[in-house]
Amino acid sequence: MDELDQRIMSLLQIDGRIPNAEIARKLGVSEGTVRRRVGRLLQDDVIRITAVPNIEKMGYAATALVGVQTRSGWADDVAEALARLEEVHYAAVTTGAFDVFIWIGLESAQRLGDFLHTKVAPVEGIQRTETFLNLGIKKRTYGVPL
């Protein structure tokens, strides 16, 4: 990857639907160059162009991060089990006080509580959870700084 690839990706992060011709015009290269570069980035799985829903605008009033402490050696299994749950939008094995973090979005605080009690609590290997309810999201970005 070179600087041109990074500049193309920067524009795609802002608008994944930007036409190749517009990218080419902004970067001072040919449309064919942009088409080949984007095709290679997609083929090599460096980038994916996809729609990312804003779950709050879709009616999910209760969004939260859940920190999960697991029994020793269970972090990967717990993260994989939680990642299979439909309500989980993000699951990661982490360092620090929690072994796993998940991000969830549900229609109400009641549904959030039900989800935690009926779907998260029974997962084998979990010792403890702590839920951090989002009161307001101040920044949301899905790209990497280039």
C-alpha atoms as a PDB file:
ATOM      1  CA  MET A   1       0.000   0.000   0.000  1.00  0.00           C
ATOM      2  CA  ASP A   2       1.283   3.394  -0.890  1.00  0.00           C
ATOM      3  CA  GLU A   3       0.182   6.976  -0.293  1.00  0.00           C
ATOM      4  CA  LEU A   4      -2.280   6.920  -3.215  1.00  0.00           C
ATOM      5  CA  ASP A   5      -4.027   3.826  -1.809  1.00  0.00           C
ATOM      6  CA  GLN A   6      -4.286   5.578   1.556  1.00  0.00           C
ATOM      7  CA  ARG A   7      -5.736   8.722  -0.015  1.00  0.00           C
ATOM      8  CA  ILE A   8      -8.290   6.639  -1.944  1.00  0.00           C
ATOM      9  CA  MET A   9      -9.270   4.861   1.273  1.00  0.00           C
ATOM     10  CA  SER A  10      -9.629   8.192   3.084  1.00  0.00           C
ATOM     11  CA  LEU A  11     -12.168   9.368   0.514  1.00  0.00           C
ATOM     12  CA  LEU A  12     -14.032   6.039   0.643  1.00  0.00           C
ATOM     13  CA  GLN A  13     -14.207   6.257   4.446  1.00  0.00           C
ATOM     14  CA  ILE A  14     -16.021   9.568   4.135  1.00  0.00           C
ATOM     15  CA  ASP A  15     -18.376   8.286   1.421  1.00  0.00           C
ATOM     16  CA  GLY A  16     -18.289   4.641   0.349  1.00  0.00           C
ATOM     17  CA  ARG A  17     -20.436   5.512  -2.673  1.00  0.00           C
ATOM     18  CA  ILE A  18     -18.145   8.173  -4.116  1.00  0.00           C
ATOM     19  CA  PRO A  19     -17.691   7.533  -7.857  1.00  0.00           C
ATOM     20  CA  ASN A  20     -14.251   6.525  -9.113  1.00  0.00           C
ATOM     21  CA  ALA A  21     -14.310   9.545 -11.449  1.00  0.00           C
ATOM     22  CA  GLU A  22     -14.724  11.900  -8.486  1.00  0.00           C
ATOM     23  CA  ILE A  23     -11.918  10.200  -6.549  1.00  0.00           C
ATOM     24  CA  ALA A  24      -9.701  10.496  -9.624  1.00  0.00           C
ATOM     25  CA  ARG A  25     -10.523  14.186 -10.033  1.00  0.00           C
ATOM     26  CA  LYS A  26      -9.823  14.950  -6.366  1.00  0.00           C
ATOM     27  CA  LEU A  27      -6.522  13.059  -6.395  1.00  0.00           C
ATOM     28  CA  GLY A  28      -5.330  14.109  -9.842  1.00  0.00           C
ATOM     29  CA  VAL A  29      -5.075  10.594 -11.299  1.00  0.00           C
ATOM     30  CA  SER A  30      -6.976   8.699 -13.991  1.00  0.00           C
ATOM     31  CA  GLU A  31     -10.264   6.966 -13.322  1.00  0.00           C
ATOM     32  CA  GLY A  32      -8.695   3.708 -14.526  1.00  0.00           C
ATOM     33  CA  THR A  33      -5.991   4.021 -11.871  1.00  0.00           C
ATOM     34  CA  VAL A  34      -8.614   4.490  -9.160  1.00  0.00           C
ATOM     35  CA  ARG A  35     -10.704   1.571 -10.486  1.00  0.00           C
ATOM     36  CA  ARG A  36      -7.680  -0.762 -10.500  1.00  0.00           C
ATOM     37  CA  ARG A  37      -6.528   0.381  -7.050  1.00  0.00           C
ATOM     38  CA  VAL A  38      -9.986   0.020  -5.480  1.00  0.00           C
ATOM     39  CA  GLY A  39     -10.407  -3.381  -7.151  1.00  0.00           C
ATOM     40  CA  ARG A  40      -7.074  -4.563  -5.739  1.00  0.00           C
ATOM     41  CA  LEU A  41      -7.857  -3.240  -2.245  1.00  0.00           C
ATOM     42  CA  LEU A  42     -11.192  -5.071  -2.314  1.00  0.00           C
ATOM     43  CA  GLN A  43      -9.703  -8.291  -3.742  1.00  0.00           C
ATOM     44  CA  ASP A  44      -6.896  -8.318  -1.157  1.00  0.00           C
ATOM     45  CA  ASP A  45      -9.494  -7.768   1.614  1.00  0.00           C
ATOM     46  CA  VAL A  46      -7.742  -4.572   2.703  1.00  0.00           C
ATOM     47  CA  ILE A  47     -11.073  -2.729   2.537  1.00  0.00           C
ATOM     48  CA  ARG A  48     -14.752  -3.622   2.467  1.00  0.00           C
ATOM     49  CA  ILE A  49     -17.385  -1.221   1.244  1.00  0.00           C
ATOM     50  CA  THR A  50     -20.547  -1.779   3.222  1.00  0.00           C
ATOM     51  CA  ALA A  51     -23.490   0.025   4.772  1.00  0.00           C
ATOM     52  CA  VAL A  52     -23.135   0.624   8.506  1.00  0.00           C
ATOM     53  CA  PRO A  53     -26.471   1.324  10.164  1.00  0.00           C
ATOM     54  CA  ASN A  54     -26.835   3.923  12.892  1.00  0.00           C
ATOM     55  CA  ILE A  55     -28.689   1.718  15.361  1.00  0.00           C
ATOM     56  CA  GLU A  56     -29.906   4.612  17.499  1.00  0.00           C
ATOM     57  CA  LYS A  57     -31.734   6.057  14.480  1.00  0.00           C
ATOM     58  CA  MET A  58     -33.241   2.622  13.844  1.00  0.00           C
ATOM     59  CA  GLY A  59     -35.089   2.681  17.158  1.00  0.00           C
ATOM     60  CA  TYR A  60     -32.577   1.061  19.470  1.00  0.00           C
ATOM     61  CA  ALA A  61     -32.962   3.319  22.493  1.00  0.00           C
ATOM     62  CA  ALA A  62     -30.668   1.301  24.772  1.00  0.00           C
ATOM     63  CA  THR A  63     -27.105   0.923  23.540  1.00  0.00           C
ATOM     64  CA  ALA A  64     -24.434  -0.284  25.899  1.00  0.00           C
ATOM     65  CA  LEU A  65     -20.939  -1.633  26.271  1.00  0.00           C
ATOM     66  CA  VAL A  66     -20.725  -4.714  28.444  1.00  0.00           C
ATOM     67  CA  GLY A  67     -17.420  -5.608  30.070  1.00  0.00           C
ATOM     68  CA  VAL A  68     -17.092  -9.323  30.739  1.00  0.00           C
ATOM     69  CA  GLN A  69     -14.684 -11.011  33.127  1.00  0.00           C
ATOM     70  CA  THR A  70     -14.164 -14.682  32.335  1.00  0.00           C
ATOM     71  CA  ARG A  71     -12.707 -17.670  34.077  1.00  0.00           C
ATOM     72  CA  SER A  72      -9.025 -18.143  33.297  1.00  0.00           C
ATOM     73  CA  GLY A  73      -8.526 -19.381  29.744  1.00  0.00           C
ATOM     74  CA  TRP A  74     -12.160 -18.789  28.694  1.00  0.00           C
ATOM     75  CA  ALA A  75     -11.930 -15.375  27.012  1.00  0.00           C
ATOM     76  CA  ASP A  76     -11.919 -16.627  23.409  1.00  0.00           C
ATOM     77  CA  ASP A  77     -14.753 -19.119  23.968  1.00  0.00           C
ATOM     78  CA  VAL A  78     -16.891 -16.534  25.756  1.00  0.00           C
ATOM     79  CA  ALA A  79     -16.234 -13.890  23.078  1.00  0.00           C
ATOM     80  CA  GLU A  80     -17.174 -16.337  20.315  1.00  0.00           C
ATOM     81  CA  ALA A  81     -20.367 -17.388  22.119  1.00  0.00           C
ATOM     82  CA  LEU A  82     -21.386 -13.766  22.671  1.00  0.00           C
ATOM     83  CA  ALA A  83     -20.521 -12.826  19.071  1.00  0.00           C
ATOM     84  CA  ARG A  84     -23.082 -15.377  17.854  1.00  0.00           C
ATOM     85  CA  LEU A  85     -25.900 -13.515  19.621  1.00  0.00           C
ATOM     86  CA  GLU A  86     -27.951 -11.422  17.191  1.00  0.00           C
ATOM     87  CA  GLU A  87     -28.097  -8.427  19.547  1.00  0.00           C
ATOM     88  CA  VAL A  88     -24.305  -8.165  19.761  1.00  0.00           C
ATOM     89  CA  HIS A  89     -22.912  -5.731  17.198  1.00  0.00           C
ATOM     90  CA  TYR A  90     -19.284  -5.898  18.331  1.00  0.00           C
ATOM     91  CA  ALA A  91     -17.328  -8.424  20.375  1.00  0.00           C
ATOM     92  CA  ALA A  92     -13.629  -8.273  21.230  1.00  0.00           C
ATOM     93  CA  VAL A  93     -11.157 -10.014  23.492  1.00  0.00           C
ATOM     94  CA  THR A  94      -9.365  -7.285  25.425  1.00  0.00           C
ATOM     95  CA  THR A  95      -6.734  -6.567  28.043  1.00  0.00           C
ATOM     96  CA  GLY A  96      -7.293  -4.846  31.365  1.00  0.00           C
ATOM     97  CA  ALA A  97     -10.021  -5.332  33.947  1.00  0.00           C
ATOM     98  CA  PHE A  98     -12.311  -7.060  31.429  1.00  0.00           C
ATOM     99  CA  ASP A  99     -11.441  -9.995  29.196  1.00  0.00           C
ATOM    100  CA  VAL A 100     -14.183  -9.302  26.644  1.00  0.00           C
ATOM    101  CA  PHE A 101     -16.200  -6.268  25.588  1.00  0.00           C
ATOM    102  CA  ILE A 102     -19.440  -6.417  23.638  1.00  0.00           C
ATOM    103  CA  TRP A 103     -21.504  -3.583  22.227  1.00  0.00           C
ATOM    104  CA  ILE A 104     -25.231  -4.118  22.044  1.00  0.00           C
ATOM    105  CA  GLY A 105     -28.266  -2.173  20.967  1.00  0.00           C
ATOM    106  CA  LEU A 106     -31.825  -2.941  22.026  1.00  0.00           C
ATOM    107  CA  GLU A 107     -35.188  -1.240  21.809  1.00  0.00           C
ATOM    108  CA  SER A 108     -35.513  -0.447  25.513  1.00  0.00           C
ATOM    109  CA  ALA A 109     -33.880  -0.713  28.911  1.00  0.00           C
ATOM    110  CA  GLN A 110     -36.314  -3.559  29.685  1.00  0.00           C
ATOM    111  CA  ARG A 111     -35.118  -5.517  26.633  1.00  0.00           C
ATOM    112  CA  LEU A 112     -31.513  -4.788  27.618  1.00  0.00           C
ATOM    113  CA  GLY A 113     -32.121  -6.231  31.080  1.00  0.00           C
ATOM    114  CA  ASP A 114     -33.864  -9.286  29.650  1.00  0.00           C
ATOM    115  CA  PHE A 115     -31.003  -9.833  27.209  1.00  0.00           C
ATOM    116  CA  LEU A 116     -28.384  -9.633  29.958  1.00  0.00           C
ATOM    117  CA  HIS A 117     -30.273 -12.062  32.197  1.00  0.00           C
ATOM    118  CA  THR A 118     -31.444 -14.595  29.617  1.00  0.00           C
ATOM    119  CA  LYS A 119     -28.706 -14.592  26.977  1.00  0.00           C
ATOM    120  CA  VAL A 120     -25.485 -13.253  28.490  1.00  0.00           C
ATOM    121  CA  ALA A 121     -25.605 -14.619  32.053  1.00  0.00           C
ATOM    122  CA  PRO A 122     -25.989 -18.284  30.983  1.00  0.00           C
ATOM    123  CA  VAL A 123     -22.854 -18.246  28.783  1.00  0.00           C
ATOM    124  CA  GLU A 124     -20.392 -20.733  30.232  1.00  0.00           C
ATOM    125  CA  GLY A 125     -17.114 -19.212  31.441  1.00  0.00           C
ATOM    126  CA  ILE A 126     -18.462 -15.808  32.491  1.00  0.00           C
ATOM    127  CA  GLN A 127     -17.563 -14.755  36.029  1.00  0.00           C
ATOM    128  CA  ARG A 128     -18.914 -11.210  36.079  1.00  0.00           C
ATOM    129  CA  THR A 129     -20.256  -8.493  33.807  1.00  0.00           C
ATOM    130  CA  GLU A 130     -20.520  -4.741  34.086  1.00  0.00           C
ATOM    131  CA  THR A 131     -22.823  -2.801  31.788  1.00  0.00           C
ATOM    132  CA  PHE A 132     -22.045   0.730  30.619  1.00  0.00           C
ATOM    133  CA  LEU A 133     -25.191   2.312  29.176  1.00  0.00           C
ATOM    134  CA  ASN A 134     -24.485   4.912  26.498  1.00  0.00           C
ATOM    135  CA  LEU A 135     -25.972   8.268  27.507  1.00  0.00           C
ATOM    136  CA  GLY A 136     -24.824  10.011  24.344  1.00  0.00           C
ATOM    137  CA  ILE A 137     -22.390   9.219  21.566  1.00  0.00           C
ATOM    138  CA  LYS A 138     -20.119  12.176  20.832  1.00  0.00           C
ATOM    139  CA  LYS A 139     -18.080  10.639  18.020  1.00  0.00           C
ATOM    140  CA  ARG A 140     -18.660   7.695  15.724  1.00  0.00           C
ATOM    141  CA  THR A 141     -16.140   6.740  13.086  1.00  0.00           C
ATOM    142  CA  TYR A 142     -15.520   3.447  11.379  1.00  0.00           C
ATOM    143  CA  GLY A 143     -12.326   4.239   9.572  1.00  0.00           C
ATOM    144  CA  VAL A 144      -8.708   4.127  10.569  1.00  0.00           C
ATOM    145  CA  PRO A 145      -6.635   7.295  10.625  1.00  0.00           C
ATOM    146  CA  LEU A 146      -4.618   7.477   7.438  1.00  0.00           C
END
